[in-house]
Amino acid sequence: MAGIKLNPRDVFGEVLLEIGKTDERVMAVSCDSGAGSGMNSFKEALPLQYLEVGISEQDAIGICAGLAESGRVPVVSAIAPFISMRCFEQIRNDVGYANMNVKIIGSSSGLSHSNLGSTHQALEDMAILKTVPNMVIFNPGDGYEVEMSLRKAVTCKGPVYIRMPRNAMEMPVNLEKRSFEIGKGENLLDTGDDVVILVTGTLSVDALEAGQRLAEKGHRVKVLNFTTVKPLDKKLIRDAYKNCRLMCTVEEHITTGGFGSSVLELLSDMPHHAPVHVLGIEAGSTQTGPYRELLDYYGLSADKLTETIETYIHNLA
């Protein structure tokens, strides 16, 4: 149910173990991150399918490329800023250009390591990894999306990046209303198409709540959720844009090069000219503090999203 909060690392560990037991090709590769990523149960149950590389993310990517070349399906996990930035060259060359079947897990993404500062806050990872050839990017925001992202990742051929959340999140809507397909978005709210809110990842509940509040005030609002950031659901976004008066994108990521930037690129040749606002975090931000307080500080809580979008609506008049 929507109100239940599931720990994403627990979900990831349980699903990975289940997959590993049914497919011996699947290997869990840790960069001194087994416990933090939820891989301990996999390590204990399937030691021959587990590899500890240590704090050496660049080596881990090269090893995973070799494992993939030999027919294995490596799932490598480390803290998101380190696995995406420290070894970008290896990901680009050894995994992306070579189109290797490597699944990269960026654990504790976004602001989730909120008190550890900008070195541990992964706010640029999607922007960086979007440029890697053949890379599929999942940005799950709750336990259901984590599970489905991992299941899809290990069954599709080629490199995948899963931007894993750290904090327990509730689903925006009940499970029976959910759908998951690579490259497809889902409709969370539809009271009309004057205002369209596109959201990805951990902010789906906040964006939906903001949309519901705006709808209660008489605005015609649509809220669309995107677990897949690359490839985007081009048709859904274009169709939503055709008749809207205002579109906003929402993400726990910098506003440069992320989900919102992809939407702007997609809509750049559309004849319709409704304003599109990208809501996220300014590049170079370095604030620290409790997670929810940081979201509010950056304008990404339901309260702040409602306030900001309502201002945009009034400015249309």
Protein backbone atom coordinates (compact mmCIF):
# COMPACT_ATOMS: atom_id res chain seq x y z
CA MET A 1 0.00 0.00 0.00
CA ALA A 2 1.03 3.58 -0.61
CA GLY A 3 1.48 4.38 3.09
CA ILE A 4 3.99 1.58 3.79
CA LYS A 5 7.64 2.64 3.85
CA LEU A 6 10.14 0.04 2.66
CA ASN A 7 13.88 0.30 3.22
CA PRO A 8 15.36 0.32 -0.30
CA ARG A 9 18.54 -1.47 0.76
CA ASP A 10 16.54 -4.30 2.32
CA VAL A 11 14.44 -4.62 -0.83
CA PHE A 12 17.54 -4.55 -3.03
CA GLY A 13 19.30 -7.22 -0.97
CA GLU A 14 16.30 -9.56 -0.88
CA VAL A 15 15.62 -9.29 -4.60
CA LEU A 16 19.28 -9.64 -5.57
CA LEU A 17 19.56 -12.81 -3.47
CA GLU A 18 16.42 -14.24 -5.04
CA ILE A 19 17.77 -13.51 -8.52
CA GLY A 20 21.20 -14.91 -7.66
CA LYS A 21 19.73 -18.18 -6.45
CA THR A 22 17.92 -18.71 -9.75
CA ASP A 23 20.69 -17.48 -12.05
CA GLU A 24 24.27 -18.45 -11.19
CA ARG A 25 25.59 -15.97 -13.77
CA VAL A 26 24.60 -13.11 -11.47
CA MET A 27 27.46 -11.89 -9.29
CA ALA A 28 27.41 -9.29 -6.53
CA VAL A 29 30.52 -7.09 -6.56
CA SER A 30 31.19 -4.86 -3.57
CA CYS A 31 33.53 -1.88 -3.18
CA ASP A 32 33.70 -2.19 0.60
CA SER A 33 29.96 -1.57 0.43
CA GLY A 34 28.35 -4.96 1.01
CA ALA A 35 26.64 -4.03 4.25
CA GLY A 36 25.73 -0.51 3.18
CA SER A 37 24.25 -1.74 -0.08
CA GLY A 38 22.28 -4.61 1.42
CA MET A 39 24.46 -7.38 -0.05
CA ASN A 40 25.36 -9.19 3.17
CA SER A 41 22.65 -11.82 2.82
CA PHE A 42 23.84 -12.52 -0.73
CA LYS A 43 27.43 -12.87 0.50
CA GLU A 44 26.42 -15.36 3.18
CA ALA A 45 24.15 -17.47 0.98
CA LEU A 46 26.12 -17.38 -2.29
CA PRO A 47 29.82 -16.82 -1.45
CA LEU A 48 31.01 -18.14 -4.82
CA GLN A 49 28.94 -15.46 -6.57
CA TYR A 50 30.21 -12.65 -4.37
CA LEU A 51 33.35 -10.59 -4.92
CA GLU A 52 34.79 -7.96 -2.57
CA VAL A 53 37.06 -5.51 -4.39
CA GLY A 54 37.53 -3.02 -1.55
CA ILE A 55 37.70 0.75 -1.85
CA SER A 56 38.76 0.56 -5.48
CA GLU A 57 35.83 1.52 -7.70
CA GLN A 58 37.95 1.93 -10.85
CA ASP A 59 39.29 -1.59 -10.50
CA ALA A 60 35.80 -2.89 -9.79
CA ILE A 61 34.45 -1.54 -13.07
CA GLY A 62 37.28 -3.14 -15.03
CA ILE A 63 36.74 -6.44 -13.22
CA CYS A 64 33.01 -6.27 -13.94
CA ALA A 65 33.68 -5.66 -17.63
CA GLY A 66 35.82 -8.80 -17.63
CA LEU A 67 33.15 -10.78 -15.81
CA ALA A 68 30.55 -9.64 -18.34
CA GLU A 69 32.85 -10.60 -21.21
CA SER A 70 33.03 -14.11 -19.73
CA GLY A 71 29.25 -14.43 -19.59
CA ARG A 72 28.58 -13.32 -16.04
CA VAL A 73 26.06 -10.62 -15.02
CA PRO A 74 27.92 -8.48 -12.47
CA VAL A 75 25.95 -6.19 -10.17
CA VAL A 76 28.43 -3.74 -8.65
CA SER A 77 27.53 -1.37 -5.85
CA ALA A 78 29.21 1.56 -4.12
CA ILE A 79 28.21 4.96 -2.76
CA ALA A 80 26.72 6.89 -5.67
CA PRO A 81 29.23 9.77 -6.04
CA PHE A 82 32.18 7.36 -5.98
CA ILE A 83 30.81 4.74 -8.40
CA SER A 84 29.63 7.38 -10.89
CA MET A 85 32.41 9.99 -10.75
CA ARG A 86 35.60 8.37 -9.50
CA CYS A 87 35.56 5.77 -12.26
CA PHE A 88 33.79 7.60 -15.08
CA GLU A 89 36.54 6.82 -17.60
CA GLN A 90 36.29 3.10 -16.89
CA ILE A 91 32.48 3.20 -17.14
CA ARG A 92 32.64 5.16 -20.40
CA ASN A 93 35.30 3.06 -22.11
CA ASP A 94 35.17 -0.42 -20.60
CA VAL A 95 31.40 -0.64 -20.09
CA GLY A 96 29.63 1.94 -22.26
CA TYR A 97 31.50 1.91 -25.55
CA ALA A 98 32.08 -1.83 -25.23
CA ASN A 99 28.36 -2.30 -24.41
CA MET A 100 29.15 -4.66 -21.55
CA ASN A 101 26.39 -6.31 -19.54
CA VAL A 102 27.31 -4.58 -16.25
CA LYS A 103 24.76 -3.34 -13.71
CA ILE A 104 26.03 -0.38 -11.66
CA ILE A 105 24.29 0.50 -8.39
CA GLY A 106 24.80 4.02 -7.07
CA SER A 107 23.90 3.49 -3.43
CA SER A 108 22.67 6.36 -1.22
CA SER A 109 22.07 8.77 -4.07
CA GLY A 110 21.00 12.40 -4.09
CA LEU A 111 20.98 14.17 -0.75
CA SER A 112 20.58 11.00 1.31
CA HIS A 113 24.06 11.28 2.88
CA SER A 114 22.85 14.72 3.87
CA ASN A 115 25.06 15.30 6.91
CA LEU A 116 28.29 14.19 5.22
CA GLY A 117 28.44 17.14 2.84
CA SER A 118 28.86 17.59 -0.89
CA THR A 119 31.57 14.91 -1.24
CA HIS A 120 29.00 12.26 -0.37
CA GLN A 121 25.92 13.87 -1.92
CA ALA A 122 25.44 12.48 -5.43
CA LEU A 123 23.76 15.35 -7.26
CA GLU A 124 25.53 15.10 -10.63
CA ASP A 125 25.52 11.34 -11.29
CA MET A 126 22.64 11.21 -13.78
CA ALA A 127 24.06 14.14 -15.75
CA ILE A 128 27.42 12.39 -16.01
CA LEU A 129 26.19 8.89 -16.83
CA LYS A 130 23.57 10.05 -19.33
CA THR A 131 26.48 10.71 -21.69
CA VAL A 132 27.72 7.10 -21.59
CA PRO A 133 26.82 5.16 -24.76
CA ASN A 134 24.29 2.33 -24.39
CA MET A 135 23.62 3.22 -20.73
CA VAL A 136 20.11 2.74 -19.32
CA ILE A 137 19.41 4.83 -16.21
CA PHE A 138 16.82 3.96 -13.57
CA ASN A 139 16.03 6.44 -10.80
CA PRO A 140 13.77 4.53 -8.37
CA GLY A 141 12.13 6.39 -5.52
CA ASP A 142 10.51 3.61 -3.44
CA GLY A 143 10.77 -0.09 -2.67
CA TYR A 144 8.58 -1.17 -5.58
CA GLU A 145 10.65 0.82 -8.07
CA VAL A 146 13.90 -0.50 -6.58
CA GLU A 147 12.69 -4.09 -7.01
CA MET A 148 11.45 -3.58 -10.55
CA SER A 149 14.56 -1.64 -11.58
CA LEU A 150 16.82 -4.48 -10.42
CA ARG A 151 14.69 -7.18 -12.04
CA LYS A 152 14.63 -5.31 -15.35
CA ALA A 153 18.34 -4.47 -15.13
CA VAL A 154 19.52 -8.07 -14.89
CA THR A 155 17.27 -9.22 -17.74
CA CYS A 156 18.09 -6.49 -20.26
CA LYS A 157 21.34 -6.72 -22.21
CA GLY A 158 23.87 -3.93 -21.76
CA PRO A 159 24.98 -1.43 -19.12
CA VAL A 160 22.50 -0.14 -16.53
CA TYR A 161 22.85 2.44 -13.77
CA ILE A 162 20.41 2.26 -10.85
CA ARG A 163 20.38 5.41 -8.72
CA MET A 164 19.50 3.84 -5.39
CA PRO A 165 17.80 5.83 -2.62
CA ARG A 166 18.92 5.38 0.98
CA ASN A 167 15.91 6.38 3.06
CA ALA A 168 12.70 4.40 3.41
CA MET A 169 10.08 5.86 1.08
CA GLU A 170 6.40 5.21 0.69
CA MET A 171 4.84 4.65 -2.71
CA PRO A 172 2.88 7.56 -4.20
CA VAL A 173 -0.08 5.31 -5.08
CA ASN A 174 -1.21 1.78 -4.20
CA LEU A 175 0.51 -1.16 -5.87
CA GLU A 176 -2.47 -2.13 -8.02
CA LYS A 177 -2.20 1.25 -9.75
CA ARG A 178 1.51 0.87 -10.53
CA SER A 179 3.11 -0.11 -13.81
CA PHE A 180 6.77 -0.55 -14.71
CA GLU A 181 8.33 -0.82 -18.13
CA ILE A 182 11.72 0.35 -19.35
CA GLY A 183 11.34 3.74 -21.00
CA LYS A 184 7.74 4.26 -19.85
CA GLY A 185 6.29 6.74 -17.36
CA GLU A 186 3.19 6.33 -15.21
CA ASN A 187 0.26 8.61 -14.50
CA LEU A 188 -0.15 9.39 -10.79
CA LEU A 189 -2.80 12.12 -11.04
CA ASP A 190 -4.96 13.48 -13.85
CA THR A 191 -7.52 16.21 -13.23
CA GLY A 192 -6.67 17.98 -16.47
CA ASP A 193 -3.65 19.13 -18.45
CA ASP A 194 -3.26 22.83 -17.74
CA VAL A 195 -0.39 22.16 -15.30
CA VAL A 196 1.84 19.14 -15.89
CA ILE A 197 4.31 18.00 -13.22
CA LEU A 198 6.96 15.49 -14.32
CA VAL A 199 8.81 13.83 -11.44
CA THR A 200 11.51 11.21 -11.06
CA GLY A 201 12.85 9.27 -8.10
CA THR A 202 12.44 10.06 -4.43
CA LEU A 203 10.23 13.13 -4.87
CA SER A 204 7.20 11.39 -6.38
CA VAL A 205 5.21 11.55 -3.12
CA ASP A 206 6.02 15.25 -2.63
CA ALA A 207 5.20 16.07 -6.25
CA LEU A 208 1.94 14.15 -6.08
CA GLU A 209 0.94 15.89 -2.86
CA ALA A 210 1.71 19.26 -4.44
CA GLY A 211 -0.37 18.30 -7.46
CA GLN A 212 -3.29 17.24 -5.28
CA ARG A 213 -3.18 20.51 -3.34
CA LEU A 214 -3.18 22.51 -6.57
CA ALA A 215 -6.08 20.44 -7.89
CA GLU A 216 -8.05 21.11 -4.72
CA LYS A 217 -7.58 24.82 -5.43
CA GLY A 218 -9.26 24.39 -8.79
CA HIS A 219 -6.27 23.92 -11.07
CA ARG A 220 -6.31 21.20 -13.73
CA VAL A 221 -3.21 19.16 -12.91
CA LYS A 222 -1.45 16.09 -14.26
CA VAL A 223 1.40 14.37 -12.38
CA LEU A 224 3.56 11.89 -14.30
CA ASN A 225 6.27 9.73 -12.72
CA PHE A 226 9.39 8.48 -14.51
CA THR A 227 11.56 5.75 -13.03
CA THR A 228 13.47 5.47 -16.31
CA VAL A 229 15.49 8.62 -17.01
CA LYS A 230 17.28 7.14 -20.02
CA PRO A 231 15.56 6.29 -22.30
CA LEU A 232 12.75 8.75 -21.64
CA ASP A 233 9.10 8.13 -22.44
CA LYS A 234 9.11 10.58 -25.33
CA LYS A 235 5.52 10.07 -26.40
CA LEU A 236 4.05 10.54 -22.92
CA ILE A 237 6.01 13.75 -22.36
CA ARG A 238 5.29 15.20 -25.79
CA ASP A 239 1.57 14.40 -25.55
CA ALA A 240 1.38 16.00 -22.10
CA TYR A 241 3.11 19.13 -23.37
CA LYS A 242 0.85 19.67 -26.39
CA ASN A 243 -2.10 21.06 -24.44
CA CYS A 244 -0.55 22.29 -21.20
CA ARG A 245 -0.15 25.89 -20.13
CA LEU A 246 2.72 25.11 -17.75
CA MET A 247 5.12 22.21 -17.25
CA CYS A 248 7.44 21.62 -14.27
CA THR A 249 10.05 18.89 -13.80
CA VAL A 250 11.06 17.77 -10.30
CA GLU A 251 14.22 15.86 -9.30
CA GLU A 252 16.64 15.37 -6.39
CA HIS A 253 19.57 16.25 -8.64
CA ILE A 254 21.21 19.37 -9.99
CA THR A 255 19.18 21.27 -12.57
CA THR A 256 22.07 21.07 -15.05
CA GLY A 257 22.11 17.98 -17.24
CA GLY A 258 19.63 15.84 -15.31
CA PHE A 259 16.05 14.73 -15.88
CA GLY A 260 14.74 18.24 -16.51
CA SER A 261 17.47 18.96 -19.04
CA SER A 262 16.52 15.79 -20.93
CA VAL A 263 12.90 16.95 -21.02
CA LEU A 264 13.94 20.37 -22.36
CA GLU A 265 16.02 18.72 -25.09
CA LEU A 266 13.08 16.52 -26.01
CA LEU A 267 10.66 19.45 -26.28
CA SER A 268 13.04 21.83 -28.07
CA ASP A 269 11.51 21.22 -31.50
CA MET A 270 7.88 21.32 -30.37
CA PRO A 271 5.77 24.13 -31.91
CA HIS A 272 3.93 24.63 -28.61
CA HIS A 273 5.60 27.20 -26.36
CA ALA A 274 4.32 26.67 -22.82
CA PRO A 275 6.96 27.51 -20.19
CA VAL A 276 8.93 24.61 -18.71
CA HIS A 277 10.49 25.07 -15.26
CA VAL A 278 13.19 22.70 -13.98
CA LEU A 279 12.98 22.25 -10.21
CA GLY A 280 15.97 20.70 -8.53
CA ILE A 281 19.20 21.76 -6.85
CA GLU A 282 21.52 24.43 -8.14
CA ALA A 283 24.90 23.12 -9.25
CA GLY A 284 27.60 23.70 -6.65
CA SER A 285 25.23 23.60 -3.67
CA THR A 286 26.97 22.48 -0.48
CA GLN A 287 24.41 22.62 2.33
CA THR A 288 24.37 19.87 4.97
CA GLY A 289 21.77 18.86 7.52
CA PRO A 290 18.85 16.46 8.12
CA TYR A 291 17.52 14.99 4.88
CA ARG A 292 13.96 16.35 4.94
CA GLU A 293 15.18 19.76 6.05
CA LEU A 294 17.55 19.87 3.10
CA LEU A 295 14.76 18.99 0.69
CA ASP A 296 12.70 21.84 2.09
CA TYR A 297 15.69 24.21 1.95
CA TYR A 298 16.13 23.47 -1.75
CA GLY A 299 12.40 23.93 -2.43
CA LEU A 300 11.66 20.26 -3.06
CA SER A 301 9.22 19.46 -0.23
CA ALA A 302 5.50 19.26 -0.98
CA ASP A 303 4.96 22.62 0.73
CA LYS A 304 7.64 24.40 -1.27
CA LEU A 305 6.71 22.73 -4.56
CA THR A 306 3.09 23.80 -4.12
CA GLU A 307 4.12 27.36 -3.36
CA THR A 308 6.55 27.59 -6.28
CA ILE A 309 4.26 26.06 -8.89
CA GLU A 310 1.34 28.20 -7.74
CA THR A 311 3.53 31.27 -8.29
CA TYR A 312 4.29 30.06 -11.83
CA ILE A 313 0.55 29.61 -12.46
CA HIS A 314 -0.27 33.13 -11.29
CA ASN A 315 2.48 34.50 -13.53
CA LEU A 316 0.73 33.02 -16.56
CA ALA A 317 -2.20 35.43 -16.17
